[in-house]
PDB file of N, CA and C in Angstrom:
ATOM      1  N   MET A   1      24.521  -4.059  -0.223  1.00  0.00           N
ATOM      2  CA  MET A   1      23.647  -5.157   0.144  1.00  0.00           C
ATOM      3  C   MET A   1      22.203  -4.800  -0.204  1.00  0.00           C
ATOM      4  N   ALA A   2      21.515  -5.728  -0.846  1.00  0.00           N
ATOM      5  CA  ALA A   2      20.140  -5.486  -1.288  1.00  0.00           C
ATOM      6  C   ALA A   2      19.189  -5.456  -0.103  1.00  0.00           C
ATOM      7  N   LYS A   3      18.218  -4.575  -0.200  1.00  0.00           N
ATOM      8  CA  LYS A   3      17.204  -4.471   0.856  1.00  0.00           C
ATOM      9  C   LYS A   3      16.267  -5.671   0.749  1.00  0.00           C
ATOM     10  N   GLU A   4      15.981  -6.303   1.875  1.00  0.00           N
ATOM     11  CA  GLU A   4      15.062  -7.430   1.882  1.00  0.00           C
ATOM     12  C   GLU A   4      13.636  -6.927   1.661  1.00  0.00           C
ATOM     13  N   PRO A   5      12.823  -7.717   0.968  1.00  0.00           N
ATOM     14  CA  PRO A   5      11.449  -7.256   0.711  1.00  0.00           C
ATOM     15  C   PRO A   5      10.620  -7.199   1.980  1.00  0.00           C
ATOM     16  N   ASP A   6       9.721  -6.223   2.023  1.00  0.00           N
ATOM     17  CA  ASP A   6       8.779  -6.110   3.134  1.00  0.00           C
ATOM     18  C   ASP A   6       7.551  -6.922   2.770  1.00  0.00           C
ATOM     19  N   PHE A   7       7.095  -7.737   3.704  1.00  0.00           N
ATOM     20  CA  PHE A   7       5.931  -8.577   3.458  1.00  0.00           C
ATOM     21  C   PHE A   7       4.720  -8.067   4.216  1.00  0.00           C
ATOM     22  N   LEU A   8       3.562  -8.231   3.577  1.00  0.00           N
ATOM     23  CA  LEU A   8       2.287  -7.806   4.148  1.00  0.00           C
ATOM     24  C   LEU A   8       1.403  -9.022   4.375  1.00  0.00           C
ATOM     25  N   THR A   9       0.565  -8.956   5.384  1.00  0.00           N
ATOM     26  CA  THR A   9      -0.421 -10.010   5.601  1.00  0.00           C
ATOM     27  C   THR A   9      -1.576  -9.807   4.627  1.00  0.00           C
ATOM     28  N   VAL A  10      -2.413 -10.808   4.498  1.00  0.00           N
ATOM     29  CA  VAL A  10      -3.595 -10.704   3.642  1.00  0.00           C
ATOM     30  C   VAL A  10      -4.481  -9.552   4.119  1.00  0.00           C
ATOM     31  N   ALA A  11      -4.622  -9.410   5.432  1.00  0.00           N
ATOM     32  CA  ALA A  11      -5.444  -8.324   5.986  1.00  0.00           C
ATOM     33  C   ALA A  11      -4.866  -6.953   5.613  1.00  0.00           C
ATOM     34  N   GLU A  12      -3.535  -6.819   5.658  1.00  0.00           N
ATOM     35  CA  GLU A  12      -2.904  -5.539   5.307  1.00  0.00           C
ATOM     36  C   GLU A  12      -3.075  -5.230   3.822  1.00  0.00           C
ATOM     37  N   VAL A  13      -2.957  -6.254   2.980  1.00  0.00           N
ATOM     38  CA  VAL A  13      -3.158  -6.060   1.542  1.00  0.00           C
ATOM     39  C   VAL A  13      -4.608  -5.637   1.282  1.00  0.00           C
ATOM     40  N   ALA A  14      -5.550  -6.322   1.920  1.00  0.00           N
ATOM     41  CA  ALA A  14      -6.966  -5.994   1.753  1.00  0.00           C
ATOM     42  C   ALA A  14      -7.249  -4.551   2.169  1.00  0.00           C
ATOM     43  N   GLU A  15      -6.649  -4.133   3.278  1.00  0.00           N
ATOM     44  CA  GLU A  15      -6.845  -2.765   3.762  1.00  0.00           C
ATOM     45  C   GLU A  15      -6.286  -1.753   2.769  1.00  0.00           C
ATOM     46  N   ARG A  16      -5.102  -2.010   2.252  1.00  0.00           N
ATOM     47  CA  ARG A  16      -4.487  -1.079   1.283  1.00  0.00           C
ATOM     48  C   ARG A  16      -5.286  -0.985  -0.003  1.00  0.00           C
ATOM     49  N   MET A  17      -5.819  -2.137  -0.451  1.00  0.00           N
ATOM     50  CA  MET A  17      -6.576  -2.156  -1.707  1.00  0.00           C
ATOM     51  C   MET A  17      -8.045  -1.799  -1.495  1.00  0.00           C
ATOM     52  N   ARG A  18      -8.463  -1.734  -0.226  1.00  0.00           N
ATOM     53  CA  ARG A  18      -9.856  -1.460   0.135  1.00  0.00           C
ATOM     54  C   ARG A  18     -10.805  -2.496  -0.467  1.00  0.00           C
ATOM     55  N   VAL A  19     -10.413  -3.759  -0.267  1.00  0.00           N
ATOM     56  CA  VAL A  19     -11.243  -4.889  -0.670  1.00  0.00           C
ATOM     57  C   VAL A  19     -11.304  -5.847   0.518  1.00  0.00           C
ATOM     58  N   SER A  20     -12.098  -6.904   0.394  1.00  0.00           N
ATOM     59  CA  SER A  20     -12.184  -7.875   1.480  1.00  0.00           C
ATOM     60  C   SER A  20     -10.980  -8.820   1.458  1.00  0.00           C
ATOM     61  N   LYS A  21     -10.753  -9.473   2.585  1.00  0.00           N
ATOM     62  CA  LYS A  21      -9.682 -10.469   2.651  1.00  0.00           C
ATOM     63  C   LYS A  21      -9.972 -11.606   1.679  1.00  0.00           C
ATOM     64  N   MET A  22     -11.239 -11.945   1.515  1.00  0.00           N
ATOM     65  CA  MET A  22     -11.609 -13.024   0.589  1.00  0.00           C
ATOM     66  C   MET A  22     -11.175 -12.688  -0.835  1.00  0.00           C
ATOM     67  N   THR A  23     -11.302 -11.431  -1.227  1.00  0.00           N
ATOM     68  CA  THR A  23     -10.869 -11.004  -2.559  1.00  0.00           C
ATOM     69  C   THR A  23      -9.371 -11.215  -2.714  1.00  0.00           C
ATOM     70  N   VAL A  24      -8.609 -10.891  -1.685  1.00  0.00           N
ATOM     71  CA  VAL A  24      -7.154 -11.079  -1.728  1.00  0.00           C
ATOM     72  C   VAL A  24      -6.825 -12.569  -1.837  1.00  0.00           C
ATOM     73  N   TYR A  25      -7.511 -13.398  -1.050  1.00  0.00           N
ATOM     74  CA  TYR A  25      -7.297 -14.850  -1.130  1.00  0.00           C
ATOM     75  C   TYR A  25      -7.594 -15.368  -2.539  1.00  0.00           C
ATOM     76  N   ARG A  26      -8.655 -14.868  -3.162  1.00  0.00           N
ATOM     77  CA  ARG A  26      -8.991 -15.294  -4.533  1.00  0.00           C
ATOM     78  C   ARG A  26      -7.876 -14.914  -5.504  1.00  0.00           C
ATOM     79  N   LEU A  27      -7.346 -13.704  -5.367  1.00  0.00           N
ATOM     80  CA  LEU A  27      -6.256 -13.259  -6.239  1.00  0.00           C
ATOM     81  C   LEU A  27      -5.012 -14.125  -6.050  1.00  0.00           C
ATOM     82  N   VAL A  28      -4.724 -14.481  -4.810  1.00  0.00           N
ATOM     83  CA  VAL A  28      -3.553 -15.322  -4.515  1.00  0.00           C
ATOM     84  C   VAL A  28      -3.753 -16.721  -5.097  1.00  0.00           C
ATOM     85  N   HIS A  29      -4.905 -17.322  -4.839  1.00  0.00           N
ATOM     86  CA  HIS A  29      -5.161 -18.685  -5.306  1.00  0.00           C
ATOM     87  C   HIS A  29      -5.241 -18.777  -6.827  1.00  0.00           C
ATOM     88  N   SER A  30      -5.674 -17.719  -7.487  1.00  0.00           N
ATOM     89  CA  SER A  30      -5.762 -17.727  -8.950  1.00  0.00           C
ATOM     90  C   SER A  30      -4.403 -17.459  -9.592  1.00  0.00           C
ATOM     91  N   GLY A  31      -3.441 -17.014  -8.792  1.00  0.00           N
ATOM     92  CA  GLY A  31      -2.113 -16.727  -9.335  1.00  0.00           C
ATOM     93  C   GLY A  31      -1.944 -15.299  -9.817  1.00  0.00           C
ATOM     94  N   GLU A  32      -2.993 -14.498  -9.712  1.00  0.00           N
ATOM     95  CA  GLU A  32      -2.902 -13.102 -10.168  1.00  0.00           C
ATOM     96  C   GLU A  32      -2.012 -12.261  -9.256  1.00  0.00           C
ATOM     97  N   LEU A  33      -2.021 -12.590  -7.964  1.00  0.00           N
ATOM     98  CA  LEU A  33      -1.218 -11.871  -6.981  1.00  0.00           C
ATOM     99  C   LEU A  33      -0.220 -12.853  -6.378  1.00  0.00           C
ATOM    100  N   GLU A  34       1.047 -12.563  -6.577  1.00  0.00           N
ATOM    101  CA  GLU A  34       2.114 -13.446  -6.095  1.00  0.00           C
ATOM    102  C   GLU A  34       2.210 -13.382  -4.575  1.00  0.00           C
ATOM    103  N   ALA A  35       2.299 -14.546  -3.949  1.00  0.00           N
ATOM    104  CA  ALA A  35       2.381 -14.609  -2.488  1.00  0.00           C
ATOM    105  C   ALA A  35       3.276 -15.767  -2.070  1.00  0.00           C
ATOM    106  N   VAL A  36       3.728 -15.695  -0.831  1.00  0.00           N
ATOM    107  CA  VAL A  36       4.558 -16.740  -0.239  1.00  0.00           C
ATOM    108  C   VAL A  36       3.743 -17.371   0.883  1.00  0.00           C
ATOM    109  N   ARG A  37       3.769 -18.681   0.938  1.00  0.00           N
ATOM    110  CA  ARG A  37       3.052 -19.368   2.013  1.00  0.00           C
ATOM    111  C   ARG A  37       3.988 -19.528   3.204  1.00  0.00           C
ATOM    112  N   VAL A  38       3.525 -19.080   4.365  1.00  0.00           N
ATOM    113  CA  VAL A  38       4.280 -19.195   5.609  1.00  0.00           C
ATOM    114  C   VAL A  38       3.383 -19.957   6.575  1.00  0.00           C
ATOM    115  N   GLY A  39       3.702 -21.233   6.778  1.00  0.00           N
ATOM    116  CA  GLY A  39       2.822 -22.054   7.603  1.00  0.00           C
ATOM    117  C   GLY A  39       1.484 -22.186   6.916  1.00  0.00           C
ATOM    118  N   ARG A  40       0.434 -21.768   7.614  1.00  0.00           N
ATOM    119  CA  ARG A  40      -0.909 -21.853   7.032  1.00  0.00           C
ATOM    120  C   ARG A  40      -1.399 -20.515   6.489  1.00  0.00           C
ATOM    121  N   SER A  41      -0.540 -19.514   6.503  1.00  0.00           N
ATOM    122  CA  SER A  41      -0.960 -18.197   6.034  1.00  0.00           C
ATOM    123  C   SER A  41      -0.118 -17.743   4.849  1.00  0.00           C
ATOM    124  N   PHE A  42      -0.542 -16.664   4.223  1.00  0.00           N
ATOM    125  CA  PHE A  42       0.156 -16.112   3.069  1.00  0.00           C
ATOM    126  C   PHE A  42       0.742 -14.757   3.415  1.00  0.00           C
ATOM    127  N   ARG A  43       1.848 -14.430   2.757  1.00  0.00           N
ATOM    128  CA  ARG A  43       2.448 -13.109   2.853  1.00  0.00           C
ATOM    129  C   ARG A  43       2.676 -12.610   1.430  1.00  0.00           C
ATOM    130  N   VAL A  44       2.412 -11.333   1.227  1.00  0.00           N
ATOM    131  CA  VAL A  44       2.557 -10.711  -0.084  1.00  0.00           C
ATOM    132  C   VAL A  44       3.631  -9.633   0.038  1.00  0.00           C
ATOM    133  N   SER A  45       4.612  -9.682  -0.860  1.00  0.00           N
ATOM    134  CA  SER A  45       5.664  -8.656  -0.804  1.00  0.00           C
ATOM    135  C   SER A  45       5.110  -7.334  -1.317  1.00  0.00           C
ATOM    136  N   GLU A  46       5.692  -6.252  -0.830  1.00  0.00           N
ATOM    137  CA  GLU A  46       5.296  -4.906  -1.286  1.00  0.00           C
ATOM    138  C   GLU A  46       5.437  -4.823  -2.805  1.00  0.00           C
ATOM    139  N   GLN A  47       6.517  -5.422  -3.329  1.00  0.00           N
ATOM    140  CA  GLN A  47       6.792  -5.378  -4.776  1.00  0.00           C
ATOM    141  C   GLN A  47       5.721  -6.129  -5.559  1.00  0.00           C
ATOM    142  N   ALA A  48       5.303  -7.301  -5.049  1.00  0.00           N
ATOM    143  CA  ALA A  48       4.259  -8.077  -5.730  1.00  0.00           C
ATOM    144  C   ALA A  48       2.949  -7.299  -5.776  1.00  0.00           C
ATOM    145  N   LEU A  49       2.618  -6.622  -4.682  1.00  0.00           N
ATOM    146  CA  LEU A  49       1.397  -5.816  -4.641  1.00  0.00           C
ATOM    147  C   LEU A  49       1.500  -4.657  -5.631  1.00  0.00           C
ATOM    148  N   SER A  50       2.635  -4.000  -5.633  1.00  0.00           N
ATOM    149  CA  SER A  50       2.863  -2.886  -6.547  1.00  0.00           C
ATOM    150  C   SER A  50       2.766  -3.349  -8.003  1.00  0.00           C
ATOM    151  N   ASP A  51       3.387  -4.493  -8.324  1.00  0.00           N
ATOM    152  CA  ASP A  51       3.346  -5.036  -9.685  1.00  0.00           C
ATOM    153  C   ASP A  51       1.924  -5.368 -10.093  1.00  0.00           C
ATOM    154  N   TYR A  52       1.170  -5.998  -9.190  1.00  0.00           N
ATOM    155  CA  TYR A  52      -0.210  -6.362  -9.485  1.00  0.00           C
ATOM    156  C   TYR A  52      -1.044  -5.113  -9.789  1.00  0.00           C
ATOM    157  N   LEU A  53      -0.903  -4.095  -8.946  1.00  0.00           N
ATOM    158  CA  LEU A  53      -1.688  -2.872  -9.138  1.00  0.00           C
ATOM    159  C   LEU A  53      -1.309  -2.164 -10.435  1.00  0.00           C
ATOM    160  N   GLU A  54      -0.028  -2.182 -10.776  1.00  0.00           N
ATOM    161  CA  GLU A  54       0.431  -1.541 -12.006  1.00  0.00           C
ATOM    162  C   GLU A  54      -0.176  -2.209 -13.243  1.00  0.00           C
ATOM    163  N   LYS A  55      -0.127  -3.549 -13.266  1.00  0.00           N
ATOM    164  CA  LYS A  55      -0.646  -4.251 -14.449  1.00  0.00           C
ATOM    165  C   LYS A  55      -2.172  -4.266 -14.492  1.00  0.00           C
ATOM    166  N   SER A  56      -2.819  -3.981 -13.373  1.00  0.00           N
ATOM    167  CA  SER A  56      -4.277  -3.990 -13.311  1.00  0.00           C
ATOM    168  C   SER A  56      -4.882  -2.616 -13.542  1.00  0.00           C
ATOM    169  N   PHE A  57      -4.049  -1.624 -13.706  1.00  0.00           N
ATOM    170  CA  PHE A  57      -4.537  -0.254 -13.875  1.00  0.00           C
ATOM    171  C   PHE A  57      -5.385  -0.153 -15.139  1.00  0.00           C
ATOM    172  N   TYR A  58      -6.582   0.406 -15.009  1.00  0.00           N
ATOM    173  CA  TYR A  58      -7.517   0.499 -16.108  1.00  0.00           C
ATOM    174  C   TYR A  58      -7.545   1.928 -16.648  1.00  0.00           C
ATOM    175  N   GLN A  59      -7.299   2.059 -17.927  1.00  0.00           N
ATOM    176  CA  GLN A  59      -7.272   3.370 -18.563  1.00  0.00           C
ATOM    177  C   GLN A  59      -8.665   3.661 -19.126  1.00  0.00           C
ATOM    178  N   ALA A  60      -9.406   4.549 -18.481  1.00  0.00           N
ATOM    179  CA  ALA A  60     -10.753   4.890 -18.946  1.00  0.00           C
ATOM    180  C   ALA A  60     -10.691   5.966 -20.044  1.00  0.00           C
ATOM    181  N   GLY A  61     -11.654   5.921 -20.937  1.00  0.00           N
ATOM    182  CA  GLY A  61     -11.752   6.938 -21.961  1.00  0.00           C
ATOM    183  C   GLY A  61     -10.974   6.570 -23.146  1.00  0.00           C
TER     184      GLY A  61
END
């Protein structure tokens, strides 16, 4: 049986990324960060956050 995804709140995502909640909301609304709407709030899966960070990694030099 497949493990169900773990979901994070916008505040938890912001804390992990060390950015403001507003930055997370902008990423969600722009479609850059995949999220699920639950009522009036958003939830971001651990996998979606991981995917976003992987594709956003900047190679310096």
